[in-house]
Amino acid sequence: MRLPTPLRLRILLIAALPGALAAQEPRMTGDGGEAGGWRMPPMSVTMPMVPGLENAVPPVRPFLISGGMDPAILPVAEPSRRVVVADGDTLDMDVSLVRRTIGGRDYAMLGYGGQYPGPLIQADRGSRIMVRVTNRIRLPTTVHWHGVRLENRFDGVPGVTQDPISEGETFVYEIDVPDAGMFWYHPHMREDVQQDLGLYGNLLVMPTAPDYYGPAHREELLVLDDILIDEEGLVPWGEEAPTHALMGRFGTVMLTNGVDDHRIDARTGEVVRFYLTNVASTRTFNVRFGDARVKLIASDIGKFERESWVESVVIAPAERYVVDVRFPEAGEVGITNTIQAVNHFRGTFYPHEDTLAVVSVNGPPVDDATTASFVELRENADVAADLEPFRALRGKAVDHELVTTVRVRGLPVPIVASMEADTFYVPPVEWNDGMPVMNWLSTGTQVTWTLREPASGLENEEIDWRFRVGDVVKIRVFNDPESFHPMNHPIHIHGQRFLVTERDGIPTTNLVWKDTAILPVGSTMDLLVEMSNPGSWMLHCHIAEHLHAGMMFVFEVTEP
């Protein structure tokens, strides 16, 4: 008997990993550590160890992709290469084991096309391209084309749009690209493992108008990530279910374009366009460009109504932003993640900064029309015209409501007691892992992250939403601050585009089309979703561990 689609999806998302690992021998080994064991993740000396957890380990088996092999036997991964694909062209792309070097040490990881990140696929808006994906690893996988309003059967969701791609099998994705912008691709099976190990890449859709964006001298990609490494190597993932299910798996090493020492050269006065993509499992970045002036011009699916000056760019998992930056003086400029970190136990904040990349500004200065035009902020008449039919709908009644919350069962008593203590503090956005051991010990077998519909009481895969092409639906999402451990959630909707029209009762004054938007703890946001694409589509939190702890459902869009 064929299971109902949501339940089928839930089984595939949660249980895909262990079945694929059964044939792998030897089973679990540490990268340079003792075979077969868990290791407590690194934690700051300022964070006390919770009494009673000294010898605790997650109630799932540890998993490392290396399987005991020496990374030296694997092919060396290459830096990402741009591949220009014309309308009707086919790109071949393997999923395979590769050798990556991070911090001077080699690791067995995964790659698309043997690259890190995967190939930068460039296509023209309105074209249709094919990507032939062959799976060369033991884990079943798929490829999701994040943010692309493509045909439903190529959306890459196992159990809903396709069967998983098993080892040795090939699947051809036919991808229509109706929108200009920076998109990305990644697995939709155990992203907490596969994506974290390097399966991600960008899809750049070029606009038809040559002056779609303002002038810039050149472009740079910044693919932001982090990875959890200790002195022995990669900290294992959970086999049967994710670890770090409360807050998501924060990394200890920052990666930009797959490396921990990314450098960029620029000339004095040069205007550089940066395409930012956050591929981290859970980390939200606050990106600063030193003292350089930063102009925000676009996000997930196109341009803002108007350009604006920003001091930094807050970018949640799966979001993309486009900024123009001018470097006025020679010297080195650090691109940093500048945050106020939190110590949950003491309820205190402290400033923290990580270097994501370094820009070396030197060489002959640039002072031309592009440099001069940087001071101008453009009003985008084409965006305003596209948004005009939706402006009158901003004040419409709410069609559907969702509340985000969490339930736990079977967690160690010291964790529950600590979370209920008066000294425990939860911020609106988790910039860092303020409780690394407790977070590590919580798994998808004990934690259920929930999207609940208040009107019906239905939760997650029980929710049954049905729409028709042409509907414009207003969805209100509230992040309940009273749950066991509330956390920010980047909400992602497949196959459609939406506007964030209001946050906490305050209307958005500069609109942009989105496919992912962050919802802080205690906040409410209104989404105006254009249902333009028929099929069965997912709505979920894009923190990988939250998704695999239940925080998702499937909705239907049918032809009128």
Protein backbone atom coordinates (compact mmCIF):
# COMPACT_ATOMS: atom_id res chain seq x y z
CA MET A 1 0.00 0.00 0.00
CA ARG A 2 1.32 3.46 -0.96
CA LEU A 3 1.55 5.74 2.07
CA PRO A 4 0.00 9.22 2.05
CA THR A 5 2.46 11.75 0.62
CA PRO A 6 3.30 13.67 3.84
CA LEU A 7 3.94 10.48 5.83
CA ARG A 8 5.99 9.04 2.98
CA LEU A 9 8.06 12.24 2.96
CA ARG A 10 8.55 12.12 6.73
CA ILE A 11 9.84 8.54 6.56
CA LEU A 12 12.25 9.38 3.73
CA LEU A 13 13.56 12.54 5.35
CA ILE A 14 14.16 11.00 8.75
CA ALA A 15 15.12 7.43 7.93
CA ALA A 16 17.11 7.70 4.71
CA LEU A 17 20.53 7.60 6.31
CA PRO A 18 20.71 4.37 8.35
CA GLY A 19 19.51 2.13 5.55
CA ALA A 20 22.16 3.51 3.26
CA LEU A 21 24.88 2.96 5.82
CA ALA A 22 24.13 -0.69 6.53
CA ALA A 23 26.42 -1.88 3.74
CA GLN A 24 29.32 0.40 4.66
CA GLU A 25 32.24 -1.30 6.39
CA PRO A 26 33.89 -0.47 8.63
CA ARG A 27 30.97 1.30 10.25
CA MET A 28 32.01 4.39 12.20
CA THR A 29 35.43 5.80 12.76
CA GLY A 30 36.74 9.14 13.85
CA ASP A 31 38.94 11.20 11.53
CA GLY A 32 42.12 10.57 13.47
CA GLY A 33 40.26 9.77 16.67
CA GLU A 34 39.26 6.55 18.39
CA ALA A 35 37.12 4.36 16.15
CA GLY A 36 33.46 4.07 16.88
CA GLY A 37 32.97 6.74 19.52
CA TRP A 38 31.27 10.03 20.23
CA ARG A 39 33.33 13.04 21.25
CA MET A 40 31.94 15.92 23.24
CA PRO A 41 31.90 19.03 21.02
CA PRO A 42 34.14 21.99 21.82
CA MET A 43 32.74 24.55 24.25
CA SER A 44 33.92 27.88 25.61
CA VAL A 45 35.72 27.89 28.96
CA THR A 46 33.21 30.53 30.09
CA MET A 47 30.35 28.02 29.82
CA PRO A 48 30.01 25.71 32.80
CA MET A 49 29.48 21.99 32.36
CA VAL A 50 25.98 21.05 33.45
CA PRO A 51 26.30 18.56 36.34
CA GLY A 52 25.18 15.08 35.34
CA LEU A 53 26.12 15.36 31.67
CA GLU A 54 29.85 14.63 31.96
CA ASN A 55 29.59 11.16 30.39
CA ALA A 56 26.37 11.56 28.41
CA VAL A 57 26.27 10.91 24.64
CA PRO A 58 23.45 11.29 22.08
CA PRO A 59 21.08 8.28 21.92
CA VAL A 60 21.93 7.64 18.25
CA ARG A 61 25.00 6.16 16.62
CA PRO A 62 27.81 8.43 15.36
CA PHE A 63 28.37 8.72 11.63
CA LEU A 64 31.34 9.91 9.57
CA ILE A 65 31.39 9.68 5.79
CA SER A 66 35.03 8.51 5.81
CA GLY A 67 34.08 5.00 7.01
CA GLY A 68 37.66 4.45 8.14
CA MET A 69 39.26 5.33 4.80
CA ASP A 70 42.36 7.47 4.45
CA PRO A 71 41.30 10.78 2.79
CA ALA A 72 44.56 10.64 0.79
CA ILE A 73 43.03 7.98 -1.49
CA LEU A 74 40.25 10.36 -2.58
CA PRO A 75 40.50 12.82 -5.47
CA VAL A 76 41.31 16.37 -4.41
CA ALA A 77 38.28 18.64 -4.66
CA GLU A 78 38.72 21.64 -6.94
CA PRO A 79 37.47 25.18 -6.40
CA SER A 80 34.10 25.96 -7.95
CA ARG A 81 34.13 26.78 -11.68
CA ARG A 82 31.58 28.87 -13.57
CA VAL A 83 29.70 26.90 -16.22
CA VAL A 84 27.62 28.88 -18.71
CA VAL A 85 24.66 26.78 -19.84
CA ALA A 86 22.57 27.89 -22.82
CA ASP A 87 18.87 27.21 -23.33
CA GLY A 88 18.42 23.49 -23.96
CA ASP A 89 21.94 22.51 -22.84
CA THR A 90 22.69 19.60 -20.51
CA LEU A 91 25.26 19.70 -17.71
CA ASP A 92 26.61 16.44 -16.24
CA MET A 93 27.26 16.57 -12.49
CA ASP A 94 28.32 13.70 -10.23
CA VAL A 95 27.84 13.44 -6.47
CA SER A 96 31.04 11.92 -5.12
CA LEU A 97 33.50 11.57 -2.26
CA VAL A 98 36.30 14.14 -2.39
CA ARG A 99 39.29 15.22 -0.34
CA ARG A 100 39.03 18.67 1.22
CA THR A 101 41.72 20.53 3.17
CA ILE A 102 40.55 22.74 6.05
CA GLY A 103 42.96 24.31 8.48
CA GLY A 104 45.85 22.35 6.97
CA ARG A 105 44.19 18.99 7.55
CA ASP A 106 42.62 16.61 4.98
CA TYR A 107 39.06 15.33 5.32
CA ALA A 108 36.81 12.96 3.41
CA MET A 109 33.83 15.06 2.30
CA LEU A 110 31.31 15.29 -0.54
CA GLY A 111 31.21 17.37 -3.70
CA TYR A 112 29.13 18.18 -6.75
CA GLY A 113 31.24 17.72 -9.86
CA GLY A 114 34.29 17.19 -7.66
CA GLN A 115 34.21 20.86 -6.67
CA TYR A 116 33.71 23.03 -3.57
CA PRO A 117 31.22 24.60 -3.75
CA GLY A 118 29.61 22.81 -6.69
CA PRO A 119 29.82 24.38 -10.15
CA LEU A 120 28.46 27.90 -10.46
CA ILE A 121 25.79 27.28 -13.08
CA GLN A 122 24.99 30.38 -15.13
CA ALA A 123 21.86 30.52 -17.28
CA ASP A 124 19.79 33.23 -18.92
CA ARG A 125 16.41 34.17 -17.53
CA GLY A 126 13.63 32.37 -19.39
CA SER A 127 15.81 29.45 -20.46
CA ARG A 128 15.37 25.76 -19.74
CA ILE A 129 18.46 23.78 -18.80
CA MET A 130 19.07 20.15 -17.96
CA VAL A 131 21.37 18.85 -15.21
CA ARG A 132 22.16 15.12 -15.32
CA VAL A 133 23.01 14.05 -11.75
CA THR A 134 24.72 10.70 -11.10
CA ASN A 135 25.07 9.48 -7.52
CA ARG A 136 28.51 7.99 -6.77
CA ILE A 137 28.06 7.71 -2.98
CA ARG A 138 26.34 5.13 -0.76
CA LEU A 139 23.81 7.62 0.59
CA PRO A 140 20.63 8.13 -1.45
CA THR A 141 20.28 11.75 -2.47
CA THR A 142 18.32 14.30 -4.49
CA VAL A 143 18.97 17.86 -5.67
CA HIS A 144 16.62 20.68 -4.70
CA TRP A 145 16.81 23.84 -6.82
CA HIS A 146 16.22 26.33 -4.06
CA GLY A 147 14.06 29.32 -4.95
CA VAL A 148 13.54 28.32 -8.57
CA ARG A 149 9.92 28.27 -9.74
CA LEU A 150 10.46 25.15 -11.82
CA GLU A 151 8.21 22.25 -12.79
CA ASN A 152 7.16 20.37 -9.65
CA ARG A 153 8.52 16.96 -10.66
CA PHE A 154 12.06 18.39 -10.67
CA ASP A 155 11.90 20.04 -7.23
CA GLY A 156 14.06 17.32 -5.65
CA VAL A 157 11.89 16.33 -2.68
CA PRO A 158 11.98 12.57 -2.02
CA GLY A 159 8.58 10.95 -1.59
CA VAL A 160 6.80 13.96 -3.09
CA THR A 161 8.35 14.87 -6.45
CA GLN A 162 10.77 11.98 -7.08
CA ASP A 163 12.28 8.81 -5.70
CA PRO A 164 15.72 9.14 -4.12
CA ILE A 165 18.72 8.73 -6.43
CA SER A 166 20.46 5.58 -5.22
CA GLU A 167 24.15 4.79 -5.67
CA GLY A 168 24.96 4.37 -9.37
CA GLU A 169 21.67 5.86 -10.52
CA THR A 170 21.15 9.00 -12.61
CA PHE A 171 18.35 11.55 -12.61
CA VAL A 172 17.96 14.37 -15.14
CA TYR A 173 16.57 17.63 -13.78
CA GLU A 174 14.86 19.91 -16.29
CA ILE A 175 15.04 23.40 -14.83
CA ASP A 176 13.05 26.39 -16.03
CA VAL A 177 14.44 29.69 -14.73
CA PRO A 178 11.74 32.39 -14.96
CA ASP A 179 13.35 34.79 -12.47
CA ALA A 180 16.66 36.64 -12.48
CA GLY A 181 18.81 36.37 -9.37
CA MET A 182 21.11 34.13 -7.37
CA PHE A 183 19.66 30.73 -6.51
CA TRP A 184 21.33 27.63 -5.14
CA TYR A 185 21.09 23.85 -5.10
CA HIS A 186 21.53 21.27 -2.35
CA PRO A 187 20.27 17.81 -1.30
CA HIS A 188 16.85 17.33 0.23
CA MET A 189 17.78 14.13 2.08
CA ARG A 190 19.55 14.46 5.41
CA GLU A 191 20.85 17.94 4.60
CA ASP A 192 22.23 18.02 8.14
CA VAL A 193 24.81 15.51 6.86
CA GLN A 194 25.06 15.81 3.07
CA GLN A 195 24.87 19.58 2.76
CA ASP A 196 27.16 20.06 5.76
CA LEU A 197 29.72 17.81 4.05
CA GLY A 198 29.85 20.11 1.03
CA LEU A 199 26.89 19.40 -1.26
CA TYR A 200 25.86 22.91 -2.25
CA GLY A 201 26.33 25.23 -5.22
CA ASN A 202 24.92 28.35 -6.85
CA LEU A 203 22.70 28.91 -9.88
CA LEU A 204 23.08 32.43 -11.28
CA VAL A 205 20.20 33.47 -13.55
CA MET A 206 21.18 36.42 -15.72
CA PRO A 207 18.60 39.16 -16.34
CA THR A 208 17.53 39.98 -19.89
CA ALA A 209 18.06 43.73 -19.41
CA PRO A 210 21.76 44.68 -19.43
CA ASP A 211 21.14 47.48 -16.91
CA TYR A 212 19.01 45.37 -14.56
CA TYR A 213 21.47 46.15 -11.77
CA GLY A 214 23.40 49.37 -11.44
CA PRO A 215 27.00 49.59 -12.66
CA ALA A 216 29.79 47.67 -10.91
CA HIS A 217 33.34 46.91 -11.95
CA ARG A 218 33.09 43.17 -11.26
CA GLU A 219 31.37 40.45 -9.25
CA GLU A 220 32.40 38.17 -6.39
CA LEU A 221 30.54 35.23 -4.81
CA LEU A 222 30.55 34.69 -1.06
CA VAL A 223 29.11 31.29 -0.12
CA LEU A 224 28.98 31.36 3.70
CA ASP A 225 29.16 28.21 5.78
CA ASP A 226 30.55 26.76 8.99
CA ILE A 227 31.66 23.28 10.01
CA LEU A 228 32.02 21.57 13.38
CA ILE A 229 35.62 20.45 13.90
CA ASP A 230 37.60 19.73 17.06
CA GLU A 231 41.24 18.83 17.63
CA GLU A 232 40.58 15.28 16.37
CA GLY A 233 38.72 16.23 13.20
CA LEU A 234 35.11 16.34 12.07
CA VAL A 235 32.69 15.87 14.95
CA PRO A 236 30.39 12.96 13.96
CA TRP A 237 26.80 13.41 12.86
CA GLY A 238 23.89 11.30 14.10
CA GLU A 239 23.13 8.20 12.04
CA GLU A 240 19.48 7.43 12.84
CA ALA A 241 18.54 11.08 13.43
CA PRO A 242 20.25 14.46 13.69
CA THR A 243 22.06 15.58 16.80
CA HIS A 244 21.93 19.30 17.78
CA ALA A 245 18.17 19.18 17.34
CA LEU A 246 17.42 22.11 19.65
CA MET A 247 19.48 24.86 18.05
CA GLY A 248 20.98 23.24 14.98
CA ARG A 249 24.57 22.25 14.36
CA PHE A 250 26.75 25.35 14.74
CA GLY A 251 30.26 25.00 13.37
CA THR A 252 33.56 25.98 14.95
CA VAL A 253 35.29 26.92 11.68
CA MET A 254 33.92 29.55 9.28
CA LEU A 255 34.08 28.69 5.58
CA THR A 256 33.71 31.09 2.67
CA ASN A 257 33.56 29.47 -0.77
CA GLY A 258 34.58 26.25 0.97
CA VAL A 259 37.83 27.49 2.54
CA ASP A 260 38.78 29.02 5.87
CA ASP A 261 41.17 31.63 4.44
CA HIS A 262 39.36 33.19 1.48
CA ARG A 263 41.10 36.25 0.00
CA ILE A 264 39.99 38.77 -2.61
CA ASP A 265 41.96 41.44 -4.48
CA ALA A 266 40.44 44.82 -5.26
CA ARG A 267 41.63 48.21 -6.47
CA THR A 268 41.15 51.49 -4.68
CA GLY A 269 37.85 53.01 -5.76
CA GLU A 270 36.60 49.79 -7.29
CA VAL A 271 32.92 48.88 -6.92
CA VAL A 272 32.53 45.15 -6.31
CA ARG A 273 29.18 43.37 -6.49
CA PHE A 274 28.94 40.60 -3.90
CA TYR A 275 26.44 37.74 -4.19
CA LEU A 276 25.96 36.31 -0.68
CA THR A 277 24.49 32.85 -0.03
CA ASN A 278 24.13 31.28 3.43
CA VAL A 279 24.46 27.49 3.15
CA ALA A 280 25.07 26.85 6.88
CA SER A 281 22.88 24.36 8.72
CA THR A 282 21.70 26.87 11.33
CA ARG A 283 24.00 29.89 11.67
CA THR A 284 22.63 33.34 10.84
CA PHE A 285 25.46 35.68 9.81
CA ASN A 286 25.76 39.42 10.34
CA VAL A 287 28.14 40.34 7.54
CA ARG A 288 30.18 43.55 7.69
CA PHE A 289 32.65 44.90 5.12
CA GLY A 290 34.90 46.81 7.51
CA ASP A 291 34.27 50.56 7.16
CA ALA A 292 33.48 50.31 3.44
CA ARG A 293 30.12 51.64 2.31
CA VAL A 294 27.59 48.93 1.46
CA LYS A 295 24.62 49.29 -0.87
CA LEU A 296 21.84 46.67 -0.61
CA ILE A 297 20.33 46.01 -4.03
CA ALA A 298 18.67 42.57 -4.19
CA SER A 299 17.65 39.45 -2.29
CA ASP A 300 16.35 35.95 -3.03
CA ILE A 301 14.29 36.52 -6.18
CA GLY A 302 15.28 39.87 -7.62
CA LYS A 303 15.79 43.49 -6.71
CA PHE A 304 14.39 45.60 -3.88
CA GLU A 305 11.98 48.38 -4.79
CA ARG A 306 14.85 50.76 -4.12
CA GLU A 307 18.48 50.49 -3.17
CA SER A 308 19.54 51.43 0.35
CA TRP A 309 22.66 51.92 2.48
CA VAL A 310 23.25 49.31 5.19
CA GLU A 311 25.91 48.86 7.86
CA SER A 312 25.71 45.07 7.68
CA VAL A 313 23.75 42.25 6.07
CA VAL A 314 21.83 39.81 8.28
CA ILE A 315 21.52 36.61 6.27
CA ALA A 316 19.76 33.51 7.62
CA PRO A 317 20.27 29.94 6.34
CA ALA A 318 19.20 29.61 2.67
CA GLU A 319 18.80 33.37 2.10
CA ARG A 320 20.67 35.30 -0.57
CA TYR A 321 21.54 38.99 -0.77
CA VAL A 322 23.27 41.12 -3.38
CA VAL A 323 25.28 44.16 -2.29
CA ASP A 324 27.59 46.63 -3.99
CA VAL A 325 30.66 47.70 -2.00
CA ARG A 326 33.18 50.41 -2.84
CA PHE A 327 36.67 50.22 -1.37
CA PRO A 328 37.94 53.83 -1.11
CA GLU A 329 41.37 53.27 0.44
CA ALA A 330 44.31 50.93 0.00
CA GLY A 331 44.92 48.30 2.66
CA GLU A 332 43.23 45.18 3.97
CA VAL A 333 39.50 45.06 4.68
CA GLY A 334 38.06 42.20 6.70
CA ILE A 335 34.68 40.79 5.72
CA THR A 336 33.46 39.66 9.12
CA ASN A 337 30.63 38.01 10.97
CA THR A 338 30.18 40.60 13.73
CA ILE A 339 27.69 39.57 16.42
CA GLN A 340 26.67 39.82 20.05
CA ALA A 341 27.12 36.24 21.18
CA VAL A 342 25.14 34.87 24.12
CA ASN A 343 26.01 32.72 27.09
CA HIS A 344 22.70 31.03 27.85
CA PHE A 345 23.65 29.94 31.34
CA ARG A 346 24.66 33.39 32.56
CA GLY A 347 22.18 35.31 30.42
CA THR A 348 24.95 37.60 29.18
CA PHE A 349 26.03 38.92 25.79
CA TYR A 350 29.56 39.53 24.60
CA PRO A 351 30.90 40.91 21.31
CA HIS A 352 32.34 38.36 18.92
CA GLU A 353 33.81 38.62 15.42
CA ASP A 354 34.89 36.00 12.90
CA THR A 355 36.79 36.80 9.71
CA LEU A 356 34.99 35.37 6.69
CA ALA A 357 37.31 36.78 4.02
CA VAL A 358 39.99 39.41 3.56
CA VAL A 359 39.97 41.98 0.75
CA SER A 360 43.42 43.29 -0.23
CA VAL A 361 42.87 46.75 -1.72
CA ASN A 362 45.87 47.79 -3.80
CA GLY A 363 47.09 48.48 -7.31
CA PRO A 364 46.30 51.45 -9.58
CA PRO A 365 43.22 53.32 -8.30
CA VAL A 366 39.94 53.35 -10.21
CA ASP A 367 38.05 56.62 -10.65
CA ASP A 368 35.56 56.41 -13.48
CA ALA A 369 31.82 56.71 -14.11
CA THR A 370 31.11 53.49 -12.22
CA THR A 371 32.98 54.76 -9.17
CA ALA A 372 31.13 58.08 -9.34
CA SER A 373 27.68 56.48 -9.76
CA PHE A 374 28.09 54.42 -6.58
CA VAL A 375 26.74 57.31 -4.47
CA GLU A 376 23.38 57.11 -6.25
CA LEU A 377 20.49 54.99 -4.91
CA ARG A 378 18.30 53.69 -7.70
CA GLU A 379 14.52 53.47 -7.62
CA ASN A 380 13.54 50.34 -9.54
CA ALA A 381 10.50 51.17 -11.67
CA ASP A 382 10.38 47.65 -13.09
CA VAL A 383 10.06 46.18 -9.58
CA ALA A 384 7.40 48.72 -8.63
CA ALA A 385 5.38 47.78 -11.72
CA ASP A 386 5.68 44.07 -10.91
CA LEU A 387 4.49 44.69 -7.34
CA GLU A 388 1.60 46.98 -8.24
CA PRO A 389 -1.08 44.22 -8.46
CA PHE A 390 -0.09 43.03 -4.97
CA ARG A 391 -0.11 46.35 -3.11
CA ALA A 392 -3.88 46.40 -2.67
CA LEU A 393 -3.72 42.88 -1.20
CA ARG A 394 -1.37 43.80 1.64
CA GLY A 395 -4.33 44.71 3.83
CA LYS A 396 -6.41 41.63 3.04
CA ALA A 397 -7.55 39.29 5.79
CA VAL A 398 -5.21 36.54 6.90
CA ASP A 399 -5.97 33.29 5.05
CA HIS A 400 -3.88 30.93 7.17
CA GLU A 401 -1.98 31.16 10.44
CA LEU A 402 0.93 29.14 11.76
CA VAL A 403 2.60 29.02 15.16
CA THR A 404 6.11 27.65 15.61
CA THR A 405 6.89 25.72 18.78
CA VAL A 406 8.79 22.67 20.05
CA ARG A 407 8.08 19.56 22.12
CA VAL A 408 10.63 17.36 23.83
CA ARG A 409 10.57 13.89 25.34
CA GLY A 410 13.23 11.75 26.90
CA LEU A 411 15.89 14.42 27.23
CA PRO A 412 18.35 13.97 30.11
CA VAL A 413 16.97 15.44 33.33
CA PRO A 414 19.86 17.93 33.74
CA ILE A 415 19.00 19.48 30.36
CA VAL A 416 15.34 19.93 31.27
CA ALA A 417 16.25 21.34 34.67
CA SER A 418 18.75 23.79 33.13
CA MET A 419 16.27 25.01 30.54
CA GLU A 420 13.74 25.71 33.28
CA ALA A 421 16.25 27.57 35.48
CA ASP A 422 15.73 31.26 36.10
CA THR A 423 19.22 32.06 34.77
CA PHE A 424 18.52 30.64 31.33
CA TYR A 425 18.09 33.27 28.61
CA VAL A 426 16.87 32.94 25.01
CA PRO A 427 17.54 35.78 22.52
CA PRO A 428 15.39 36.57 19.46
CA VAL A 429 18.15 35.27 17.15
CA GLU A 430 20.71 32.61 18.04
CA TRP A 431 23.95 34.03 16.64
CA ASN A 432 26.03 31.29 18.28
CA ASP A 433 25.60 28.02 20.14
CA GLY A 434 25.29 29.18 23.74
CA MET A 435 24.78 25.64 25.12
CA PRO A 436 26.86 23.33 22.90
CA VAL A 437 26.77 20.15 25.01
CA MET A 438 23.03 20.26 25.73
CA ASN A 439 22.37 21.06 22.08
CA TRP A 440 24.58 18.17 20.92
CA LEU A 441 22.82 15.70 23.23
CA SER A 442 19.35 16.56 21.89
CA THR A 443 18.42 14.52 18.82
CA GLY A 444 15.59 14.24 16.36
CA THR A 445 14.33 11.23 18.33
CA GLN A 446 13.68 13.46 21.38
CA VAL A 447 12.85 16.85 19.88
CA THR A 448 9.89 17.67 17.62
CA TRP A 449 9.89 21.10 16.04
CA THR A 450 6.36 22.05 15.10
CA LEU A 451 4.41 24.19 12.68
CA ARG A 452 0.90 24.28 14.15
CA GLU A 453 -2.25 25.65 12.55
CA PRO A 454 -4.25 27.24 15.42
CA ALA A 455 -7.58 27.12 13.58
CA SER A 456 -7.53 23.35 13.14
CA GLY A 457 -4.99 22.22 15.72
CA LEU A 458 -3.20 20.29 12.98
CA GLU A 459 0.59 20.08 13.06
CA ASN A 460 3.38 19.55 10.55
CA GLU A 461 2.54 16.86 7.97
CA GLU A 462 -1.10 16.75 9.15
CA ILE A 463 -1.70 20.26 7.76
CA ASP A 464 -3.75 20.17 4.56
CA TRP A 465 -3.61 23.37 2.52
CA ARG A 466 -4.97 23.48 -1.03
CA PHE A 467 -4.76 26.41 -3.44
CA ARG A 468 -5.26 27.19 -7.11
CA VAL A 469 -2.87 28.84 -9.52
CA GLY A 470 -3.53 32.57 -9.36
CA ASP A 471 -4.39 32.66 -5.66
CA VAL A 472 -2.59 35.25 -3.56
CA VAL A 473 -2.55 33.91 -0.02
CA LYS A 474 -1.78 35.80 3.19
CA ILE A 475 -0.02 33.63 5.77
CA ARG A 476 0.72 34.88 9.29
CA VAL A 477 3.46 33.07 11.22
CA PHE A 478 4.07 33.57 14.95
CA ASN A 479 7.14 32.30 16.79
CA ASP A 480 5.90 31.33 20.25
CA PRO A 481 8.42 32.52 22.88
CA GLU A 482 6.87 30.35 25.63
CA SER A 483 7.93 26.95 24.28
CA PHE A 484 10.62 24.72 25.79
CA HIS A 485 13.45 26.34 23.84
CA PRO A 486 12.15 28.83 21.27
CA MET A 487 14.46 29.62 18.38
CA ASN A 488 14.52 31.74 15.24
CA HIS A 489 13.35 29.96 12.07
CA PRO A 490 14.18 30.69 8.42
CA ILE A 491 10.85 29.79 6.78
CA HIS A 492 11.21 28.49 3.22
CA ILE A 493 8.38 27.94 0.71
CA HIS A 494 9.11 25.77 -2.33
CA GLY A 495 8.05 26.60 -5.86
CA GLN A 496 6.47 30.00 -5.23
CA ARG A 497 7.57 33.53 -4.34
CA PHE A 498 6.35 35.72 -1.50
CA LEU A 499 6.54 39.20 -0.01
CA VAL A 500 7.17 39.87 3.68
CA THR A 501 4.56 42.59 4.02
CA GLU A 502 4.62 43.13 7.79
CA ARG A 503 6.70 42.29 10.86
CA ASP A 504 5.25 42.67 14.36
CA GLY A 505 2.53 44.95 13.02
CA ILE A 506 4.96 47.25 11.19
CA PRO A 507 4.51 47.33 7.39
CA THR A 508 7.53 46.62 5.21
CA THR A 509 8.43 49.79 3.32
CA ASN A 510 10.91 48.32 0.81
CA LEU A 511 9.57 45.12 -0.71
CA VAL A 512 11.47 42.34 -2.43
CA TRP A 513 10.43 38.88 -3.63
CA LYS A 514 11.63 36.15 -1.26
CA ASP A 515 11.55 32.38 -0.92
CA THR A 516 13.07 32.29 2.61
CA ALA A 517 12.62 34.71 5.52
CA ILE A 518 13.84 34.61 9.10
CA LEU A 519 11.34 34.68 11.98
CA PRO A 520 12.90 35.74 15.33
CA VAL A 521 11.64 34.44 18.67
CA GLY A 522 8.49 36.24 19.78
CA SER A 523 7.93 37.82 16.37
CA THR A 524 5.08 37.67 13.89
CA MET A 525 5.48 38.07 10.14
CA ASP A 526 2.92 38.28 7.35
CA LEU A 527 3.71 36.63 4.02
CA LEU A 528 1.84 37.41 0.81
CA VAL A 529 2.40 34.29 -1.31
CA GLU A 530 1.74 34.27 -5.04
CA MET A 531 0.57 30.76 -5.93
CA SER A 532 1.83 30.66 -9.51
CA ASN A 533 3.16 27.13 -9.81
CA PRO A 534 1.05 23.94 -9.69
CA GLY A 535 2.15 20.86 -7.77
CA SER A 536 2.90 19.47 -4.33
CA TRP A 537 5.27 21.82 -2.51
CA MET A 538 7.01 21.91 0.86
CA LEU A 539 6.88 24.63 3.51
CA HIS A 540 9.53 24.15 6.19
CA CYS A 541 12.16 25.60 8.46
CA HIS A 542 15.54 25.70 6.71
CA ILE A 543 17.54 24.88 9.81
CA ALA A 544 18.50 21.37 8.71
CA GLU A 545 18.09 19.80 12.15
CA HIS A 546 14.65 21.41 12.62
CA LEU A 547 13.46 20.10 9.26
CA HIS A 548 14.54 16.57 10.17
CA ALA A 549 12.91 16.96 13.58
CA GLY A 550 9.52 17.37 11.91
CA MET A 551 9.16 21.07 11.04
CA MET A 552 7.60 20.81 7.57
CA PHE A 553 4.44 20.02 5.61
CA VAL A 554 3.30 19.75 1.98
CA PHE A 555 0.65 21.96 0.36
CA GLU A 556 -1.08 21.55 -2.98
CA VAL A 557 -1.48 24.07 -5.81
CA THR A 558 -3.74 22.99 -8.68
CA GLU A 559 -4.61 24.47 -12.04
CA PRO A 560 -7.74 26.67 -11.94
